[in-house]
Amino acid sequence: MIYQADFLVDLTRRIFQAVGSNATEAEVVAQRLVNANLSGHDSHGVIRIPTYIKWIQEDKTRLNQTIDIETDNGSMVVIDGKFGLGQSIGQQAMELGIDRAQEYGVAVIALKDSAHLGRIGDWPEMCAKAGMVSVHFVNTSGMGNLVAPYGAIERRLSANPFAAGVPTQGEFPLILDMSACTIAEGKIRVALHAGKQVPEGCIIDSEGNPTTDPETFYGPPAGSILPIAGHKGYALSMIIEMMAGALTGGSCTNPDRAHQLSNGMLSIIMDRSKLQSEDYFFNEVSRYCEYVKSAKLMDENNKILMPGEIEHNTRAQRRADGIELSQTTIDMIQETCESLDVSSGFNS
């Protein structure tokens, strides 16, 4: 079924208000979840609603939290997210980071103990909109133990997203948003709900055999996601764990915290105007992008895309045509609505 973004934002807002979010938090969460769908990242969109509500009801995620500053050295800040909804906590952390980068030229924001931060690409997009260049390292110290180290068949790593953003004077900023593993767990969940297979080379079963069946990943017994590019992705994942887990104080992936989902994020936010003039920076960004796109194509029916361009194009297309949800996702959200006495509008 296909639904318009405004309908899904309104529904999501009402669900979170029903469970106890104030109006501001409910709006932030609704906008960011639906924006993930609009961007083509359905794994981090409204499919997450039932899980988030379950975590709230189990007190694993806490409502209406404001960030606490634990350590403040001006340009370097440690923040406790207090297990608040990640869409809100992440936004608060970036607002602080942008302010500090404008003041000091650069800000290092070490966020620990946030609930699920959602689509990590939101945060470099937010920084780029403010004219900032940024990089972001993310880990999950608790129940996000999903990925096998290179050469192993047991889970020891989280998905370890890495994101970066560069502002441009074009229609969209350059945005990198990727994990150190072959596939996000949420995309496996989307495939499971849709009754589809995942691409080859992404997951293994509990015995280490390659598989494309999402059910063998979830088990029992559970399989594992593979690191991207073999040993290179594994090494990248280890470094991201150090940045987002050890350096923030939020813990690296830890089986002792398996009862609690906790995201850590280390963000380095730079005011590019403190390094280069606006004319030089934006002219050079534009010149190089055009040079890259001028390369001879393997297939003349294709074109070279810039990082973030797919999401930009998908947002335009889905705003016009709507967002498709699987029947399983609709049914799960409907069940959540009924438990909260919220009218979904799915059947009206």
Protein backbone atom coordinates (compact mmCIF):
# COMPACT_ATOMS: atom_id res chain seq x y z
CA MET A 1 0.00 0.00 0.00
CA ILE A 2 1.12 3.56 -0.75
CA TYR A 3 0.69 6.47 1.66
CA GLN A 4 1.56 10.15 1.44
CA ALA A 5 4.29 11.51 3.70
CA ASP A 6 1.97 13.97 5.46
CA PHE A 7 -0.38 11.13 6.42
CA LEU A 8 2.49 9.11 7.92
CA VAL A 9 3.90 12.13 9.77
CA ASP A 10 0.49 12.83 11.33
CA LEU A 11 0.00 9.18 12.31
CA THR A 12 3.49 8.87 13.79
CA ARG A 13 3.08 12.12 15.72
CA ARG A 14 -0.19 10.90 17.25
CA ILE A 15 1.29 7.52 18.19
CA PHE A 16 4.17 9.09 20.10
CA GLN A 17 1.94 11.63 21.80
CA ALA A 18 -0.32 8.76 22.87
CA VAL A 19 2.59 6.95 24.51
CA GLY A 20 3.67 10.14 26.33
CA SER A 21 5.92 12.28 24.13
CA ASN A 22 5.34 16.00 24.35
CA ALA A 23 4.30 17.80 21.17
CA THR A 24 7.84 18.91 20.29
CA GLU A 25 9.38 15.46 20.67
CA ALA A 26 6.54 13.74 18.82
CA GLU A 27 6.97 16.14 15.89
CA VAL A 28 10.74 15.65 15.72
CA VAL A 29 10.47 11.86 15.81
CA ALA A 30 7.66 11.80 13.24
CA GLN A 31 9.47 14.07 10.80
CA ARG A 32 12.74 12.16 11.02
CA LEU A 33 11.20 8.69 10.74
CA VAL A 34 9.16 9.65 7.69
CA ASN A 35 12.14 11.49 6.19
CA ALA A 36 14.03 8.19 6.33
CA ASN A 37 11.26 6.62 4.24
CA LEU A 38 11.26 9.58 1.87
CA SER A 39 15.03 9.22 1.47
CA GLY A 40 14.66 5.57 0.48
CA HIS A 41 15.90 4.17 3.79
CA ASP A 42 12.75 2.29 4.78
CA SER A 43 14.82 0.30 7.28
CA HIS A 44 15.01 3.41 9.47
CA GLY A 45 11.53 4.77 8.83
CA VAL A 46 8.08 4.04 10.22
CA ILE A 47 8.89 0.32 10.34
CA ARG A 48 10.65 1.24 13.60
CA ILE A 49 7.50 2.51 15.33
CA PRO A 50 6.39 -0.80 16.95
CA THR A 51 9.91 -1.48 18.24
CA TYR A 52 10.33 2.03 19.62
CA ILE A 53 6.98 1.84 21.42
CA LYS A 54 7.91 -1.55 22.88
CA TRP A 55 11.22 -0.16 24.16
CA ILE A 56 9.43 2.84 25.69
CA GLN A 57 6.97 0.57 27.47
CA GLU A 58 9.87 -1.56 28.75
CA ASP A 59 11.72 1.60 29.96
CA LYS A 60 14.61 0.88 27.60
CA THR A 61 13.90 4.18 25.84
CA ARG A 62 12.82 7.25 27.81
CA LEU A 63 10.55 10.05 26.69
CA ASN A 64 11.03 13.82 26.72
CA GLN A 65 14.72 13.77 27.62
CA THR A 66 17.09 16.70 27.27
CA ILE A 67 20.80 16.13 26.91
CA ASP A 68 23.08 16.47 29.93
CA ILE A 69 26.57 17.91 29.45
CA GLU A 70 28.98 15.78 31.48
CA THR A 71 32.26 17.37 30.38
CA ASP A 72 32.62 20.77 28.74
CA ASN A 73 35.95 21.95 27.38
CA GLY A 74 34.48 24.48 24.99
CA SER A 75 35.14 22.85 21.66
CA MET A 76 35.02 19.32 23.14
CA VAL A 77 31.90 18.15 24.93
CA VAL A 78 30.74 14.84 26.41
CA ILE A 79 26.95 14.45 26.39
CA ASP A 80 24.73 11.93 28.17
CA GLY A 81 21.66 11.10 26.05
CA LYS A 82 19.92 9.44 29.02
CA PHE A 83 18.42 6.81 26.67
CA GLY A 84 16.11 9.43 25.17
CA LEU A 85 14.56 8.98 21.74
CA GLY A 86 17.49 9.24 19.36
CA GLN A 87 15.82 11.48 16.80
CA SER A 88 15.41 14.12 19.53
CA ILE A 89 18.70 13.48 21.35
CA GLY A 90 20.69 13.48 18.10
CA GLN A 91 19.10 16.77 17.04
CA GLN A 92 19.90 18.38 20.40
CA ALA A 93 23.50 17.16 20.19
CA MET A 94 23.93 18.55 16.67
CA GLU A 95 22.41 21.91 17.64
CA LEU A 96 25.00 22.17 20.41
CA GLY A 97 27.79 21.00 18.10
CA ILE A 98 26.92 23.53 15.39
CA ASP A 99 26.84 26.34 17.96
CA ARG A 100 30.25 25.32 19.32
CA ALA A 101 31.76 24.95 15.84
CA GLN A 102 30.57 28.46 14.98
CA GLU A 103 32.23 29.72 18.18
CA TYR A 104 35.49 27.73 18.13
CA GLY A 105 35.84 26.69 14.49
CA VAL A 106 35.60 23.01 15.33
CA ALA A 107 33.55 20.98 17.79
CA VAL A 108 33.96 17.40 18.97
CA ILE A 109 30.69 16.11 20.39
CA ALA A 110 30.91 12.80 22.24
CA LEU A 111 27.35 11.52 22.71
CA LYS A 112 26.79 8.43 24.83
CA ASP A 113 23.71 6.45 25.86
CA SER A 114 21.23 7.65 23.29
CA ALA A 115 18.40 5.39 22.24
CA HIS A 116 18.38 4.42 18.56
CA LEU A 117 19.64 7.43 16.60
CA GLY A 118 17.72 6.51 13.46
CA ARG A 119 19.09 7.35 10.03
CA ILE A 120 22.60 8.65 10.69
CA GLY A 121 22.60 10.65 7.45
CA ASP A 122 20.25 13.09 9.20
CA TRP A 123 23.14 14.45 11.26
CA PRO A 124 25.61 15.42 8.50
CA GLU A 125 22.64 16.80 6.53
CA MET A 126 21.74 18.99 9.51
CA CYS A 127 25.35 20.18 9.84
CA ALA A 128 25.70 20.82 6.10
CA LYS A 129 22.54 22.93 6.12
CA ALA A 130 24.31 25.11 8.70
CA GLY A 131 27.37 25.36 6.43
CA MET A 132 29.42 22.83 8.40
CA VAL A 133 31.61 19.95 7.25
CA SER A 134 31.19 16.97 9.57
CA VAL A 135 32.06 13.34 10.23
CA HIS A 136 30.18 10.99 12.56
CA PHE A 137 31.12 7.61 14.05
CA VAL A 138 28.36 5.45 15.62
CA ASN A 139 28.24 2.25 17.64
CA THR A 140 25.70 0.22 19.60
CA SER A 141 26.98 -0.96 22.96
CA GLY A 142 24.04 -3.17 23.92
CA MET A 143 21.59 -5.25 21.91
CA GLY A 144 23.07 -4.26 18.56
CA ASN A 145 25.62 -7.10 18.51
CA LEU A 146 25.05 -8.17 14.88
CA VAL A 147 28.25 -8.56 12.88
CA ALA A 148 30.91 -11.29 12.81
CA PRO A 149 34.58 -10.26 12.72
CA TYR A 150 36.43 -11.13 9.53
CA GLY A 151 37.03 -14.89 9.48
CA ALA A 152 34.58 -15.64 12.32
CA ILE A 153 30.98 -16.91 12.51
CA GLU A 154 29.87 -15.36 15.83
CA ARG A 155 28.56 -11.84 16.40
CA ARG A 156 30.98 -9.45 18.09
CA LEU A 157 30.47 -6.08 16.33
CA SER A 158 27.63 -3.63 15.85
CA ALA A 159 26.73 -2.24 12.42
CA ASN A 160 28.99 0.74 13.08
CA PRO A 161 27.61 3.44 10.78
CA PHE A 162 29.91 6.15 9.53
CA ALA A 163 28.57 9.36 8.02
CA ALA A 164 30.04 12.57 6.63
CA GLY A 165 28.69 15.69 5.01
CA VAL A 166 29.98 18.59 2.90
CA PRO A 167 27.85 21.64 2.08
CA THR A 168 27.57 22.71 -1.55
CA GLN A 169 25.88 25.50 -3.47
CA GLY A 170 23.95 22.95 -5.51
CA GLU A 171 20.58 21.34 -4.86
CA PHE A 172 21.90 19.01 -2.14
CA PRO A 173 24.98 18.55 0.06
CA LEU A 174 27.44 15.70 -0.42
CA ILE A 175 26.39 13.07 2.13
CA LEU A 176 28.05 9.74 2.91
CA ASP A 177 25.96 7.43 5.12
CA MET A 178 27.20 3.86 5.32
CA SER A 179 27.81 1.02 7.74
CA ALA A 180 30.98 -1.00 8.18
CA CYS A 181 28.91 -4.11 7.46
CA THR A 182 27.37 -5.38 4.23
CA ILE A 183 23.74 -4.60 5.11
CA ALA A 184 21.87 -2.75 7.86
CA GLU A 185 19.85 -4.96 10.20
CA GLY A 186 16.81 -2.83 9.40
CA LYS A 187 17.11 -3.73 5.72
CA ILE A 188 17.09 -7.42 6.67
CA ARG A 189 13.91 -6.71 8.64
CA VAL A 190 12.35 -4.95 5.63
CA ALA A 191 13.14 -8.00 3.48
CA LEU A 192 11.66 -10.32 6.12
CA HIS A 193 8.43 -8.29 6.26
CA ALA A 194 8.19 -8.26 2.47
CA GLY A 195 8.89 -11.99 2.12
CA LYS A 196 12.04 -11.28 0.10
CA GLN A 197 15.64 -12.48 0.17
CA VAL A 198 18.62 -10.25 0.96
CA PRO A 199 21.46 -9.84 -1.57
CA GLU A 200 24.12 -12.53 -1.74
CA GLY A 201 27.26 -12.01 0.31
CA CYS A 202 25.60 -10.11 3.16
CA ILE A 203 24.75 -12.65 5.87
CA ILE A 204 25.73 -16.10 7.13
CA ASP A 205 23.78 -18.63 9.17
CA SER A 206 24.83 -19.84 12.63
CA GLU A 207 27.21 -22.38 11.07
CA GLY A 208 28.92 -19.80 8.88
CA ASN A 209 27.22 -20.81 5.65
CA PRO A 210 26.34 -18.03 3.19
CA THR A 211 22.59 -17.42 2.98
CA THR A 212 20.10 -14.94 1.57
CA ASP A 213 17.23 -15.96 3.88
CA PRO A 214 16.41 -13.27 6.50
CA GLU A 215 14.90 -15.89 8.81
CA THR A 216 18.26 -17.64 9.20
CA PHE A 217 19.78 -14.35 10.37
CA TYR A 218 17.25 -13.92 13.17
CA GLY A 219 17.15 -17.62 14.08
CA PRO A 220 17.21 -19.25 16.46
CA PRO A 221 20.02 -20.01 16.22
CA ALA A 222 21.01 -16.56 15.00
CA GLY A 223 23.30 -15.88 12.07
CA SER A 224 25.53 -12.86 11.51
CA ILE A 225 26.03 -9.96 9.13
CA LEU A 226 29.40 -9.86 7.36
CA PRO A 227 31.74 -6.85 7.42
CA ILE A 228 31.90 -4.83 4.22
CA ALA A 229 34.93 -5.57 2.01
CA GLY A 230 36.12 -8.35 4.31
CA HIS A 231 39.09 -7.43 6.48
CA LYS A 232 38.84 -3.75 5.51
CA GLY A 233 35.31 -3.38 6.85
CA TYR A 234 36.25 -5.29 9.97
CA ALA A 235 39.18 -2.94 10.62
CA LEU A 236 36.97 0.10 9.97
CA SER A 237 34.40 -1.29 12.40
CA MET A 238 37.03 -1.67 15.13
CA ILE A 239 38.11 1.96 14.75
CA ILE A 240 34.50 3.18 14.78
CA GLU A 241 33.93 1.22 18.00
CA MET A 242 36.89 3.00 19.59
CA MET A 243 35.60 6.40 18.49
CA ALA A 244 31.92 5.94 19.36
CA GLY A 245 32.29 3.55 22.30
CA ALA A 246 35.57 4.07 24.15
CA LEU A 247 36.08 7.79 23.42
CA THR A 248 32.49 8.82 24.26
CA GLY A 249 32.44 6.80 27.48
CA GLY A 250 29.37 4.89 26.35
CA SER A 251 31.10 1.49 26.03
CA CYS A 252 32.03 -0.54 22.99
CA THR A 253 29.73 -3.41 22.00
CA ASN A 254 29.27 -5.24 25.29
CA PRO A 255 27.32 -8.45 26.03
CA ASP A 256 26.87 -7.25 29.62
CA ARG A 257 24.57 -4.52 28.23
CA ALA A 258 22.60 -6.83 25.94
CA HIS A 259 19.33 -5.86 27.66
CA GLN A 260 19.67 -2.21 26.59
CA LEU A 261 20.06 -0.59 23.17
CA SER A 262 22.49 2.28 23.52
CA ASN A 263 23.95 4.29 20.65
CA GLY A 264 27.14 6.27 20.99
CA MET A 265 28.16 8.87 18.40
CA LEU A 266 31.36 10.86 18.07
CA SER A 267 30.79 13.88 15.81
CA ILE A 268 33.51 16.19 14.53
CA ILE A 269 31.92 19.37 13.18
CA MET A 270 34.02 21.96 11.32
CA ASP A 271 33.19 25.51 10.30
CA ARG A 272 34.67 25.55 6.78
CA SER A 273 34.65 29.37 6.79
CA LYS A 274 37.43 29.30 9.40
CA LEU A 275 39.67 27.41 6.95
CA GLN A 276 38.85 28.67 3.45
CA SER A 277 36.98 31.55 1.88
CA GLU A 278 33.44 30.85 0.73
CA ASP A 279 34.34 31.54 -2.90
CA TYR A 280 37.29 29.16 -2.97
CA PHE A 281 35.61 26.34 -1.06
CA PHE A 282 32.37 26.21 -3.00
CA ASN A 283 34.06 26.77 -6.36
CA GLU A 284 36.46 23.91 -5.67
CA VAL A 285 33.67 21.59 -4.52
CA SER A 286 31.71 22.38 -7.68
CA ARG A 287 34.73 22.09 -9.97
CA TYR A 288 35.73 18.70 -8.63
CA CYS A 289 32.20 17.28 -8.71
CA GLU A 290 31.87 18.31 -12.35
CA TYR A 291 35.28 16.82 -13.16
CA VAL A 292 34.30 13.48 -11.59
CA LYS A 293 31.00 13.43 -13.47
CA SER A 294 32.81 14.04 -16.78
CA ALA A 295 34.43 10.57 -16.71
CA LYS A 296 33.60 8.30 -19.64
CA LEU A 297 30.80 5.90 -18.74
CA MET A 298 30.79 2.12 -19.00
CA ASP A 299 27.12 2.33 -19.99
CA GLU A 300 25.91 5.51 -21.70
CA ASN A 301 22.41 4.90 -20.31
CA ASN A 302 23.71 5.51 -16.78
CA LYS A 303 25.23 8.56 -15.14
CA ILE A 304 27.68 9.27 -12.35
CA LEU A 305 25.89 10.19 -9.14
CA MET A 306 27.26 12.23 -6.27
CA PRO A 307 27.05 11.00 -2.64
CA GLY A 308 23.58 11.93 -1.37
CA GLU A 309 22.09 12.35 -4.85
CA ILE A 310 20.06 9.13 -4.70
CA GLU A 311 18.42 10.24 -1.46
CA HIS A 312 17.75 13.71 -2.91
CA ASN A 313 16.09 12.23 -5.99
CA THR A 314 14.17 9.63 -4.00
CA ARG A 315 12.74 12.30 -1.69
CA ALA A 316 11.36 14.22 -4.66
CA GLN A 317 9.90 11.07 -6.21
CA ARG A 318 8.31 9.78 -2.99
CA ARG A 319 6.88 13.17 -2.05
CA ALA A 320 5.08 13.12 -5.38
CA ASP A 321 4.16 9.43 -5.61
CA GLY A 322 3.93 8.38 -1.96
CA ILE A 323 5.68 5.86 0.27
CA GLU A 324 5.06 2.14 -0.13
CA LEU A 325 4.72 0.04 3.04
CA SER A 326 4.55 -3.75 3.17
CA GLN A 327 1.39 -5.31 4.56
CA THR A 328 3.40 -6.76 7.45
CA THR A 329 4.62 -3.29 8.42
CA ILE A 330 1.09 -1.88 8.16
CA ASP A 331 -0.28 -4.70 10.33
CA MET A 332 2.38 -4.17 13.00
CA ILE A 333 1.77 -0.41 13.14
CA GLN A 334 -1.99 -1.06 13.22
CA GLU A 335 -1.51 -3.38 16.20
CA THR A 336 0.53 -0.71 17.97
CA CYS A 337 -2.18 1.87 17.27
CA GLU A 338 -4.88 -0.39 18.71
CA SER A 339 -2.83 -0.95 21.87
CA LEU A 340 -2.64 2.85 22.36
CA ASP A 341 -6.23 3.58 21.28
CA VAL A 342 -5.00 5.56 18.28
CA SER A 343 -6.94 5.59 15.02
CA SER A 344 -4.47 4.68 12.29
CA GLY A 345 -6.56 5.69 9.30
CA PHE A 346 -5.08 2.78 7.34
CA ASN A 347 -8.49 1.29 6.61
CA SER A 348 -10.45 4.50 6.13
